[in-house]
Amino acid sequence: MTSFWIPGGRLWRVQLKSTAVVHARGYEVQPIYSVYSGGNGRSKAGYTAEEIDVLVVHIGPRNVWYVLPVEVFAPFKNLRFYPDIECKCARWESYREAWQVMG
């Protein structure tokens, strides 16, 4: 996680994810992280509003950025982005280059 100040005084907690691999016609990112629990090994957990404010996703081959508030993606374990094609399942397109989400 990265934190930074936006002019005007707010500290934003940002998680950056990047991908370059096409999967099922889209670029997939998993907004999760590994949790180590002692001798029980590791498990995966999704980000919550207590941990981050936004998820910033970079699609490397297209140099496209998505800025998603944690509230819109928190229930999902896989996010798929379609910067190259129009499709009904492109639910995250309204967050493409949506830097205004961070004020």
PDB file of N, CA and C in Angstrom:
ATOM      1  N   MET A   1       0.837  -1.165   0.000  1.00  0.00           N
ATOM      2  CA  MET A   1       0.000   0.000   0.000  1.00  0.00           C
ATOM      3  C   MET A   1       0.888   1.236   0.000  1.00  0.00           C
ATOM      4  N   THR A   2       0.446   2.243  -0.707  1.00  0.00           N
ATOM      5  CA  THR A   2       1.138   3.521  -0.753  1.00  0.00           C
ATOM      6  C   THR A   2       0.200   4.592  -0.227  1.00  0.00           C
ATOM      7  N   SER A   3       0.728   5.517   0.527  1.00  0.00           N
ATOM      8  CA  SER A   3      -0.068   6.647   1.003  1.00  0.00           C
ATOM      9  C   SER A   3       0.525   7.924   0.450  1.00  0.00           C
ATOM     10  N   PHE A   4      -0.337   8.871   0.121  1.00  0.00           N
ATOM     11  CA  PHE A   4       0.165  10.164  -0.317  1.00  0.00           C
ATOM     12  C   PHE A   4      -0.864  11.243  -0.057  1.00  0.00           C
ATOM     13  N   TRP A   5      -0.356  12.472   0.023  1.00  0.00           N
ATOM     14  CA  TRP A   5      -1.204  13.634   0.284  1.00  0.00           C
ATOM     15  C   TRP A   5      -1.668  14.235  -1.023  1.00  0.00           C
ATOM     16  N   ILE A   6      -2.930  14.601  -1.079  1.00  0.00           N
ATOM     17  CA  ILE A   6      -3.480  15.365  -2.195  1.00  0.00           C
ATOM     18  C   ILE A   6      -3.498  16.817  -1.729  1.00  0.00           C
ATOM     19  N   PRO A   7      -3.091  17.765  -2.588  1.00  0.00           N
ATOM     20  CA  PRO A   7      -3.176  19.172  -2.176  1.00  0.00           C
ATOM     21  C   PRO A   7      -4.567  19.474  -1.622  1.00  0.00           C
ATOM     22  N   GLY A   8      -4.606  20.096  -0.487  1.00  0.00           N
ATOM     23  CA  GLY A   8      -5.858  20.348   0.186  1.00  0.00           C
ATOM     24  C   GLY A   8      -5.931  19.597   1.502  1.00  0.00           C
ATOM     25  N   GLY A   9      -4.975  18.687   1.730  1.00  0.00           N
ATOM     26  CA  GLY A   9      -4.824  18.120   3.043  1.00  0.00           C
ATOM     27  C   GLY A   9      -5.314  16.723   3.327  1.00  0.00           C
ATOM     28  N   ARG A  10      -5.721  15.945   2.359  1.00  0.00           N
ATOM     29  CA  ARG A  10      -6.190  14.591   2.649  1.00  0.00           C
ATOM     30  C   ARG A  10      -5.111  13.564   2.345  1.00  0.00           C
ATOM     31  N   LEU A  11      -4.925  12.628   3.270  1.00  0.00           N
ATOM     32  CA  LEU A  11      -4.024  11.501   3.058  1.00  0.00           C
ATOM     33  C   LEU A  11      -4.839  10.354   2.470  1.00  0.00           C
ATOM     34  N   TRP A  12      -4.425   9.855   1.314  1.00  0.00           N
ATOM     35  CA  TRP A  12      -5.110   8.752   0.637  1.00  0.00           C
ATOM     36  C   TRP A  12      -4.291   7.479   0.770  1.00  0.00           C
ATOM     37  N   ARG A  13      -4.968   6.388   1.114  1.00  0.00           N
ATOM     38  CA  ARG A  13      -4.338   5.069   1.178  1.00  0.00           C
ATOM     39  C   ARG A  13      -4.655   4.359  -0.136  1.00  0.00           C
ATOM     40  N   VAL A  14      -3.607   4.097  -0.913  1.00  0.00           N
ATOM     41  CA  VAL A  14      -3.771   3.588  -2.273  1.00  0.00           C
ATOM     42  C   VAL A  14      -3.070   2.242  -2.416  1.00  0.00           C
ATOM     43  N   GLN A  15      -3.792   1.280  -2.988  1.00  0.00           N
ATOM     44  CA  GLN A  15      -3.179   0.005  -3.358  1.00  0.00           C
ATOM     45  C   GLN A  15      -3.067  -0.009  -4.878  1.00  0.00           C
ATOM     46  N   LEU A  16      -1.869  -0.281  -5.369  1.00  0.00           N
ATOM     47  CA  LEU A  16      -1.626  -0.327  -6.809  1.00  0.00           C
ATOM     48  C   LEU A  16      -1.488  -1.777  -7.250  1.00  0.00           C
ATOM     49  N   LYS A  17      -2.224  -2.129  -8.291  1.00  0.00           N
ATOM     50  CA  LYS A  17      -2.107  -3.447  -8.920  1.00  0.00           C
ATOM     51  C   LYS A  17      -1.858  -3.208 -10.403  1.00  0.00           C
ATOM     52  N   SER A  18      -1.100  -4.099 -11.004  1.00  0.00           N
ATOM     53  CA  SER A  18      -0.781  -3.976 -12.421  1.00  0.00           C
ATOM     54  C   SER A  18      -0.869  -5.344 -13.075  1.00  0.00           C
ATOM     55  N   THR A  19      -1.227  -5.352 -14.355  1.00  0.00           N
ATOM     56  CA  THR A  19      -1.274  -6.604 -15.092  1.00  0.00           C
ATOM     57  C   THR A  19      -0.943  -6.353 -16.560  1.00  0.00           C
ATOM     58  N   ALA A  20      -0.461  -7.395 -17.196  1.00  0.00           N
ATOM     59  CA  ALA A  20      -0.157  -7.333 -18.627  1.00  0.00           C
ATOM     60  C   ALA A  20      -0.677  -8.566 -19.352  1.00  0.00           C
ATOM     61  N   VAL A  21      -1.371  -9.446 -18.630  1.00  0.00           N
ATOM     62  CA  VAL A  21      -1.804 -10.721 -19.182  1.00  0.00           C
ATOM     63  C   VAL A  21      -3.298 -10.679 -19.522  1.00  0.00           C
ATOM     64  N   VAL A  22      -3.639 -11.079 -20.754  1.00  0.00           N
ATOM     65  CA  VAL A  22      -5.034 -11.159 -21.174  1.00  0.00           C
ATOM     66  C   VAL A  22      -5.589 -12.509 -20.750  1.00  0.00           C
ATOM     67  N   HIS A  23      -6.777 -12.461 -20.133  1.00  0.00           N
ATOM     68  CA  HIS A  23      -7.449 -13.683 -19.697  1.00  0.00           C
ATOM     69  C   HIS A  23      -8.935 -13.522 -20.043  1.00  0.00           C
ATOM     70  N   ALA A  24      -9.469 -14.392 -20.878  1.00  0.00           N
ATOM     71  CA  ALA A  24     -10.876 -14.332 -21.298  1.00  0.00           C
ATOM     72  C   ALA A  24     -11.218 -12.960 -21.886  1.00  0.00           C
ATOM     73  N   ARG A  25     -10.392 -12.486 -22.772  1.00  0.00           N
ATOM     74  CA  ARG A  25     -10.551 -11.226 -23.517  1.00  0.00           C
ATOM     75  C   ARG A  25     -10.335  -9.968 -22.669  1.00  0.00           C
ATOM     76  N   GLY A  26     -10.027 -10.120 -21.395  1.00  0.00           N
ATOM     77  CA  GLY A  26      -9.822  -8.960 -20.537  1.00  0.00           C
ATOM     78  C   GLY A  26      -8.563  -9.117 -19.703  1.00  0.00           C
ATOM     79  N   TYR A  27      -8.222  -8.059 -18.995  1.00  0.00           N
ATOM     80  CA  TYR A  27      -7.061  -8.052 -18.102  1.00  0.00           C
ATOM     81  C   TYR A  27      -7.582  -8.238 -16.681  1.00  0.00           C
ATOM     82  N   GLU A  28      -7.070  -9.252 -15.996  1.00  0.00           N
ATOM     83  CA  GLU A  28      -7.599  -9.590 -14.687  1.00  0.00           C
ATOM     84  C   GLU A  28      -6.657  -9.166 -13.571  1.00  0.00           C
ATOM     85  N   VAL A  29      -7.265  -8.648 -12.510  1.00  0.00           N
ATOM     86  CA  VAL A  29      -6.538  -8.261 -11.301  1.00  0.00           C
ATOM     87  C   VAL A  29      -7.312  -8.830 -10.117  1.00  0.00           C
ATOM     88  N   GLN A  30      -6.592  -9.292  -9.127  1.00  0.00           N
ATOM     89  CA  GLN A  30      -7.221  -9.774  -7.905  1.00  0.00           C
ATOM     90  C   GLN A  30      -6.930  -8.791  -6.779  1.00  0.00           C
ATOM     91  N   PRO A  31      -7.968  -8.117  -6.276  1.00  0.00           N
ATOM     92  CA  PRO A  31      -7.765  -7.150  -5.189  1.00  0.00           C
ATOM     93  C   PRO A  31      -7.704  -7.841  -3.834  1.00  0.00           C
ATOM     94  N   ILE A  32      -6.696  -8.708  -3.691  1.00  0.00           N
ATOM     95  CA  ILE A  32      -6.525  -9.487  -2.470  1.00  0.00           C
ATOM     96  C   ILE A  32      -5.050  -9.478  -2.078  1.00  0.00           C
ATOM     97  N   TYR A  33      -4.776  -9.954  -0.872  1.00  0.00           N
ATOM     98  CA  TYR A  33      -3.401 -10.070  -0.406  1.00  0.00           C
ATOM     99  C   TYR A  33      -3.282 -11.316   0.458  1.00  0.00           C
ATOM    100  N   SER A  34      -2.064 -11.773   0.651  1.00  0.00           N
ATOM    101  CA  SER A  34      -1.809 -12.965   1.457  1.00  0.00           C
ATOM    102  C   SER A  34      -1.745 -12.615   2.929  1.00  0.00           C
ATOM    103  N   VAL A  35      -2.296 -13.495   3.736  1.00  0.00           N
ATOM    104  CA  VAL A  35      -2.275 -13.350   5.182  1.00  0.00           C
ATOM    105  C   VAL A  35      -1.596 -14.600   5.742  1.00  0.00           C
ATOM    106  N   TYR A  36      -0.556 -14.396   6.524  1.00  0.00           N
ATOM    107  CA  TYR A  36       0.150 -15.515   7.140  1.00  0.00           C
ATOM    108  C   TYR A  36      -0.359 -15.689   8.564  1.00  0.00           C
ATOM    109  N   SER A  37      -0.749 -16.902   8.886  1.00  0.00           N
ATOM    110  CA  SER A  37      -1.320 -17.146  10.219  1.00  0.00           C
ATOM    111  C   SER A  37      -0.513 -18.201  10.968  1.00  0.00           C
ATOM    112  N   GLY A  38       0.697 -17.833  11.300  1.00  0.00           N
ATOM    113  CA  GLY A  38       1.543 -18.717  12.091  1.00  0.00           C
ATOM    114  C   GLY A  38       1.771 -20.060  11.429  1.00  0.00           C
ATOM    115  N   GLY A  39       1.542 -21.126  12.142  1.00  0.00           N
ATOM    116  CA  GLY A  39       1.755 -22.472  11.638  1.00  0.00           C
ATOM    117  C   GLY A  39       0.661 -22.960  10.700  1.00  0.00           C
ATOM    118  N   ASN A  40      -0.397 -22.168  10.521  1.00  0.00           N
ATOM    119  CA  ASN A  40      -1.515 -22.586   9.674  1.00  0.00           C
ATOM    120  C   ASN A  40      -1.317 -22.237   8.207  1.00  0.00           C
ATOM    121  N   GLY A  41      -0.165 -21.730   7.842  1.00  0.00           N
ATOM    122  CA  GLY A  41       0.068 -21.372   6.447  1.00  0.00           C
ATOM    123  C   GLY A  41      -0.461 -19.997   6.103  1.00  0.00           C
ATOM    124  N   ARG A  42      -0.884 -19.849   4.859  1.00  0.00           N
ATOM    125  CA  ARG A  42      -1.371 -18.536   4.453  1.00  0.00           C
ATOM    126  C   ARG A  42      -2.736 -18.658   3.799  1.00  0.00           C
ATOM    127  N   SER A  43      -3.453 -17.562   3.830  1.00  0.00           N
ATOM    128  CA  SER A  43      -4.755 -17.475   3.191  1.00  0.00           C
ATOM    129  C   SER A  43      -4.828 -16.136   2.473  1.00  0.00           C
ATOM    130  N   LYS A  44      -5.909 -15.908   1.790  1.00  0.00           N
ATOM    131  CA  LYS A  44      -6.087 -14.668   1.039  1.00  0.00           C
ATOM    132  C   LYS A  44      -7.188 -13.841   1.677  1.00  0.00           C
ATOM    133  N   ALA A  45      -7.009 -12.528   1.641  1.00  0.00           N
ATOM    134  CA  ALA A  45      -8.016 -11.610   2.173  1.00  0.00           C
ATOM    135  C   ALA A  45      -8.213 -10.468   1.189  1.00  0.00           C
ATOM    136  N   GLY A  46      -9.422  -9.959   1.128  1.00  0.00           N
ATOM    137  CA  GLY A  46      -9.720  -8.814   0.270  1.00  0.00           C
ATOM    138  C   GLY A  46      -9.530  -7.513   1.025  1.00  0.00           C
ATOM    139  N   TYR A  47      -9.234  -6.459   0.300  1.00  0.00           N
ATOM    140  CA  TYR A  47      -9.047  -5.144   0.922  1.00  0.00           C
ATOM    141  C   TYR A  47     -10.374  -4.598   1.426  1.00  0.00           C
ATOM    142  N   THR A  48     -10.301  -3.862   2.520  1.00  0.00           N
ATOM    143  CA  THR A  48     -11.490  -3.248   3.113  1.00  0.00           C
ATOM    144  C   THR A  48     -11.275  -1.741   3.229  1.00  0.00           C
ATOM    145  N   ALA A  49     -12.348  -1.040   3.528  1.00  0.00           N
ATOM    146  CA  ALA A  49     -12.287   0.418   3.693  1.00  0.00           C
ATOM    147  C   ALA A  49     -11.446   0.806   4.908  1.00  0.00           C
ATOM    148  N   GLU A  50     -11.216  -0.111   5.826  1.00  0.00           N
ATOM    149  CA  GLU A  50     -10.347   0.181   6.972  1.00  0.00           C
ATOM    150  C   GLU A  50      -8.878   0.153   6.567  1.00  0.00           C
ATOM    151  N   GLU A  51      -8.572  -0.469   5.412  1.00  0.00           N
ATOM    152  CA  GLU A  51      -7.182  -0.618   4.979  1.00  0.00           C
ATOM    153  C   GLU A  51      -6.774   0.338   3.865  1.00  0.00           C
ATOM    154  N   ILE A  52      -7.657   0.527   2.891  1.00  0.00           N
ATOM    155  CA  ILE A  52      -7.324   1.410   1.763  1.00  0.00           C
ATOM    156  C   ILE A  52      -8.530   2.271   1.396  1.00  0.00           C
ATOM    157  N   ASP A  53      -8.249   3.337   0.663  1.00  0.00           N
ATOM    158  CA  ASP A  53      -9.314   4.198   0.144  1.00  0.00           C
ATOM    159  C   ASP A  53      -9.625   3.869  -1.309  1.00  0.00           C
ATOM    160  N   VAL A  54      -8.585   3.637  -2.101  1.00  0.00           N
ATOM    161  CA  VAL A  54      -8.778   3.355  -3.524  1.00  0.00           C
ATOM    162  C   VAL A  54      -7.819   2.267  -3.996  1.00  0.00           C
ATOM    163  N   LEU A  55      -8.252   1.595  -5.057  1.00  0.00           N
ATOM    164  CA  LEU A  55      -7.412   0.655  -5.779  1.00  0.00           C
ATOM    165  C   LEU A  55      -7.111   1.299  -7.126  1.00  0.00           C
ATOM    166  N   VAL A  56      -5.833   1.421  -7.440  1.00  0.00           N
ATOM    167  CA  VAL A  56      -5.418   1.947  -8.743  1.00  0.00           C
ATOM    168  C   VAL A  56      -4.859   0.777  -9.529  1.00  0.00           C
ATOM    169  N   VAL A  57      -5.443   0.544 -10.712  1.00  0.00           N
ATOM    170  CA  VAL A  57      -5.050  -0.583 -11.559  1.00  0.00           C
ATOM    171  C   VAL A  57      -4.420  -0.040 -12.829  1.00  0.00           C
ATOM    172  N   HIS A  58      -3.235  -0.548 -13.154  1.00  0.00           N
ATOM    173  CA  HIS A  58      -2.550  -0.151 -14.391  1.00  0.00           C
ATOM    174  C   HIS A  58      -2.540  -1.343 -15.342  1.00  0.00           C
ATOM    175  N   ILE A  59      -3.040  -1.131 -16.551  1.00  0.00           N
ATOM    176  CA  ILE A  59      -2.995  -2.136 -17.607  1.00  0.00           C
ATOM    177  C   ILE A  59      -1.793  -1.771 -18.474  1.00  0.00           C
ATOM    178  N   GLY A  60      -0.683  -2.435 -18.216  1.00  0.00           N
ATOM    179  CA  GLY A  60       0.594  -2.087 -18.827  1.00  0.00           C
ATOM    180  C   GLY A  60       0.607  -2.000 -20.339  1.00  0.00           C
ATOM    181  N   PRO A  61       0.160  -3.037 -21.056  1.00  0.00           N
ATOM    182  CA  PRO A  61       0.256  -3.006 -22.517  1.00  0.00           C
ATOM    183  C   PRO A  61      -0.555  -1.882 -23.171  1.00  0.00           C
ATOM    184  N   ARG A  62      -1.565  -1.383 -22.486  1.00  0.00           N
ATOM    185  CA  ARG A  62      -2.413  -0.313 -23.037  1.00  0.00           C
ATOM    186  C   ARG A  62      -2.154   1.035 -22.374  1.00  0.00           C
ATOM    187  N   ASN A  63      -1.309   1.054 -21.349  1.00  0.00           N
ATOM    188  CA  ASN A  63      -1.032   2.252 -20.556  1.00  0.00           C
ATOM    189  C   ASN A  63      -2.332   2.940 -20.132  1.00  0.00           C
ATOM    190  N   VAL A  64      -3.224   2.142 -19.573  1.00  0.00           N
ATOM    191  CA  VAL A  64      -4.522   2.619 -19.105  1.00  0.00           C
ATOM    192  C   VAL A  64      -4.569   2.450 -17.598  1.00  0.00           C
ATOM    193  N   TRP A  65      -5.176   3.429 -16.929  1.00  0.00           N
ATOM    194  CA  TRP A  65      -5.298   3.411 -15.475  1.00  0.00           C
ATOM    195  C   TRP A  65      -6.771   3.409 -15.081  1.00  0.00           C
ATOM    196  N   TYR A  66      -7.085   2.693 -14.009  1.00  0.00           N
ATOM    197  CA  TYR A  66      -8.418   2.686 -13.419  1.00  0.00           C
ATOM    198  C   TYR A  66      -8.261   3.065 -11.950  1.00  0.00           C
ATOM    199  N   VAL A  67      -9.176   3.896 -11.461  1.00  0.00           N
ATOM    200  CA  VAL A  67      -9.137   4.349 -10.063  1.00  0.00           C
ATOM    201  C   VAL A  67     -10.474   3.983  -9.436  1.00  0.00           C
ATOM    202  N   LEU A  68     -10.477   2.979  -8.585  1.00  0.00           N
ATOM    203  CA  LEU A  68     -11.718   2.459  -8.010  1.00  0.00           C
ATOM    204  C   LEU A  68     -11.771   2.680  -6.502  1.00  0.00           C
ATOM    205  N   PRO A  69     -12.827   3.330  -6.016  1.00  0.00           N
ATOM    206  CA  PRO A  69     -13.010   3.429  -4.566  1.00  0.00           C
ATOM    207  C   PRO A  69     -13.233   2.031  -3.987  1.00  0.00           C
ATOM    208  N   VAL A  70     -12.748   1.789  -2.803  1.00  0.00           N
ATOM    209  CA  VAL A  70     -12.839   0.467  -2.201  1.00  0.00           C
ATOM    210  C   VAL A  70     -14.291  -0.011  -2.106  1.00  0.00           C
ATOM    211  N   GLU A  71     -15.229   0.889  -1.926  1.00  0.00           N
ATOM    212  CA  GLU A  71     -16.632   0.507  -1.759  1.00  0.00           C
ATOM    213  C   GLU A  71     -17.213  -0.185  -2.991  1.00  0.00           C
ATOM    214  N   VAL A  72     -16.688   0.110  -4.178  1.00  0.00           N
ATOM    215  CA  VAL A  72     -17.290  -0.459  -5.389  1.00  0.00           C
ATOM    216  C   VAL A  72     -16.754  -1.840  -5.743  1.00  0.00           C
ATOM    217  N   PHE A  73     -15.565  -2.190  -5.267  1.00  0.00           N
ATOM    218  CA  PHE A  73     -15.016  -3.488  -5.648  1.00  0.00           C
ATOM    219  C   PHE A  73     -14.867  -4.457  -4.479  1.00  0.00           C
ATOM    220  N   ALA A  74     -15.029  -3.993  -3.244  1.00  0.00           N
ATOM    221  CA  ALA A  74     -14.744  -4.807  -2.062  1.00  0.00           C
ATOM    222  C   ALA A  74     -15.396  -6.195  -2.074  1.00  0.00           C
ATOM    223  N   PRO A  75     -16.596  -6.380  -2.574  1.00  0.00           N
ATOM    224  CA  PRO A  75     -17.146  -7.742  -2.528  1.00  0.00           C
ATOM    225  C   PRO A  75     -16.534  -8.700  -3.558  1.00  0.00           C
ATOM    226  N   PHE A  76     -15.760  -8.191  -4.502  1.00  0.00           N
ATOM    227  CA  PHE A  76     -15.247  -9.016  -5.590  1.00  0.00           C
ATOM    228  C   PHE A  76     -13.825  -9.508  -5.316  1.00  0.00           C
ATOM    229  N   LYS A  77     -13.531 -10.732  -5.727  1.00  0.00           N
ATOM    230  CA  LYS A  77     -12.193 -11.304  -5.584  1.00  0.00           C
ATOM    231  C   LYS A  77     -11.406 -11.262  -6.885  1.00  0.00           C
ATOM    232  N   ASN A  78     -12.094 -11.057  -8.008  1.00  0.00           N
ATOM    233  CA  ASN A  78     -11.453 -10.914  -9.315  1.00  0.00           C
ATOM    234  C   ASN A  78     -12.092  -9.733 -10.032  1.00  0.00           C
ATOM    235  N   LEU A  79     -11.258  -8.892 -10.606  1.00  0.00           N
ATOM    236  CA  LEU A  79     -11.746  -7.770 -11.405  1.00  0.00           C
ATOM    237  C   LEU A  79     -11.199  -7.948 -12.819  1.00  0.00           C
ATOM    238  N   ARG A  80     -12.038  -7.801 -13.805  1.00  0.00           N
ATOM    239  CA  ARG A  80     -11.586  -7.934 -15.188  1.00  0.00           C
ATOM    240  C   ARG A  80     -11.865  -6.626 -15.920  1.00  0.00           C
ATOM    241  N   PHE A  81     -10.852  -6.146 -16.616  1.00  0.00           N
ATOM    242  CA  PHE A  81     -10.912  -4.869 -17.324  1.00  0.00           C
ATOM    243  C   PHE A  81     -10.818  -5.115 -18.822  1.00  0.00           C
ATOM    244  N   TYR A  82     -11.584  -4.350 -19.597  1.00  0.00           N
ATOM    245  CA  TYR A  82     -11.648  -4.505 -21.044  1.00  0.00           C
ATOM    246  C   TYR A  82     -11.350  -3.180 -21.734  1.00  0.00           C
ATOM    247  N   PRO A  83     -10.121  -2.707 -21.689  1.00  0.00           N
ATOM    248  CA  PRO A  83      -9.821  -1.402 -22.285  1.00  0.00           C
ATOM    249  C   PRO A  83      -9.853  -1.410 -23.812  1.00  0.00           C
ATOM    250  N   ASP A  84      -9.792  -2.587 -24.441  1.00  0.00           N
ATOM    251  CA  ASP A  84      -9.705  -2.677 -25.895  1.00  0.00           C
ATOM    252  C   ASP A  84     -11.020  -2.992 -26.590  1.00  0.00           C
ATOM    253  N   ILE A  85     -11.979  -3.535 -25.865  1.00  0.00           N
ATOM    254  CA  ILE A  85     -13.204  -3.982 -26.516  1.00  0.00           C
ATOM    255  C   ILE A  85     -14.432  -3.476 -25.783  1.00  0.00           C
ATOM    256  N   GLU A  86     -15.512  -3.337 -26.518  1.00  0.00           N
ATOM    257  CA  GLU A  86     -16.783  -2.977 -25.923  1.00  0.00           C
ATOM    258  C   GLU A  86     -17.519  -4.256 -25.583  1.00  0.00           C
ATOM    259  N   CYS A  87     -17.968  -4.368 -24.368  1.00  0.00           N
ATOM    260  CA  CYS A  87     -18.751  -5.541 -23.985  1.00  0.00           C
ATOM    261  C   CYS A  87     -19.653  -5.167 -22.814  1.00  0.00           C
ATOM    262  N   LYS A  88     -20.690  -5.941 -22.640  1.00  0.00           N
ATOM    263  CA  LYS A  88     -21.655  -5.677 -21.573  1.00  0.00           C
ATOM    264  C   LYS A  88     -21.058  -5.900 -20.184  1.00  0.00           C
ATOM    265  N   CYS A  89     -20.001  -6.688 -20.104  1.00  0.00           N
ATOM    266  CA  CYS A  89     -19.424  -7.016 -18.800  1.00  0.00           C
ATOM    267  C   CYS A  89     -18.324  -6.037 -18.363  1.00  0.00           C
ATOM    268  N   ALA A  90     -18.155  -4.946 -19.072  1.00  0.00           N
ATOM    269  CA  ALA A  90     -17.102  -3.970 -18.745  1.00  0.00           C
ATOM    270  C   ALA A  90     -17.588  -3.013 -17.657  1.00  0.00           C
ATOM    271  N   ARG A  91     -17.853  -3.538 -16.479  1.00  0.00           N
ATOM    272  CA  ARG A  91     -18.455  -2.752 -15.396  1.00  0.00           C
ATOM    273  C   ARG A  91     -17.538  -1.672 -14.831  1.00  0.00           C
ATOM    274  N   TRP A  92     -16.237  -1.771 -15.052  1.00  0.00           N
ATOM    275  CA  TRP A  92     -15.306  -0.833 -14.429  1.00  0.00           C
ATOM    276  C   TRP A  92     -14.918   0.322 -15.339  1.00  0.00           C
ATOM    277  N   GLU A  93     -15.469   0.406 -16.538  1.00  0.00           N
ATOM    278  CA  GLU A  93     -15.071   1.456 -17.487  1.00  0.00           C
ATOM    279  C   GLU A  93     -15.337   2.862 -16.972  1.00  0.00           C
ATOM    280  N   SER A  94     -16.334   3.040 -16.149  1.00  0.00           N
ATOM    281  CA  SER A  94     -16.602   4.390 -15.626  1.00  0.00           C
ATOM    282  C   SER A  94     -15.493   4.864 -14.682  1.00  0.00           C
ATOM    283  N   TYR A  95     -14.618   3.952 -14.267  1.00  0.00           N
ATOM    284  CA  TYR A  95     -13.500   4.301 -13.397  1.00  0.00           C
ATOM    285  C   TYR A  95     -12.181   4.416 -14.157  1.00  0.00           C
ATOM    286  N   ARG A  96     -12.246   4.345 -15.466  1.00  0.00           N
ATOM    287  CA  ARG A  96     -11.051   4.487 -16.305  1.00  0.00           C
ATOM    288  C   ARG A  96     -10.559   5.928 -16.227  1.00  0.00           C
ATOM    289  N   GLU A  97      -9.295   6.088 -15.846  1.00  0.00           N
ATOM    290  CA  GLU A  97      -8.674   7.412 -15.703  1.00  0.00           C
ATOM    291  C   GLU A  97      -9.508   8.324 -14.783  1.00  0.00           C
ATOM    292  N   ALA A  98     -10.163   7.751 -13.795  1.00  0.00           N
ATOM    293  CA  ALA A  98     -11.075   8.499 -12.903  1.00  0.00           C
ATOM    294  C   ALA A  98     -10.322   9.082 -11.715  1.00  0.00           C
ATOM    295  N   TRP A  99      -9.312   9.860 -12.012  1.00  0.00           N
ATOM    296  CA  TRP A  99      -8.490  10.455 -10.944  1.00  0.00           C
ATOM    297  C   TRP A  99      -9.286  11.382 -10.046  1.00  0.00           C
ATOM    298  N   GLN A 100     -10.418  11.881 -10.539  1.00  0.00           N
ATOM    299  CA  GLN A 100     -11.268  12.764  -9.734  1.00  0.00           C
ATOM    300  C   GLN A 100     -11.837  12.049  -8.515  1.00  0.00           C
ATOM    301  N   VAL A 101     -11.818  10.722  -8.507  1.00  0.00           N
ATOM    302  CA  VAL A 101     -12.266   9.959  -7.344  1.00  0.00           C
ATOM    303  C   VAL A 101     -11.461  10.374  -6.109  1.00  0.00           C
ATOM    304  N   MET A 102     -10.225  10.767  -6.325  1.00  0.00           N
ATOM    305  CA  MET A 102      -9.363  11.161  -5.209  1.00  0.00           C
ATOM    306  C   MET A 102      -9.354  12.669  -4.978  1.00  0.00           C
ATOM    307  N   GLY A 103     -10.422  13.306  -5.371  1.00  0.00           N
ATOM    308  CA  GLY A 103     -10.572  14.726  -5.088  1.00  0.00           C
ATOM    309  C   GLY A 103      -9.888  15.594  -6.079  1.00  0.00           C
TER     310      GLY A 103
END
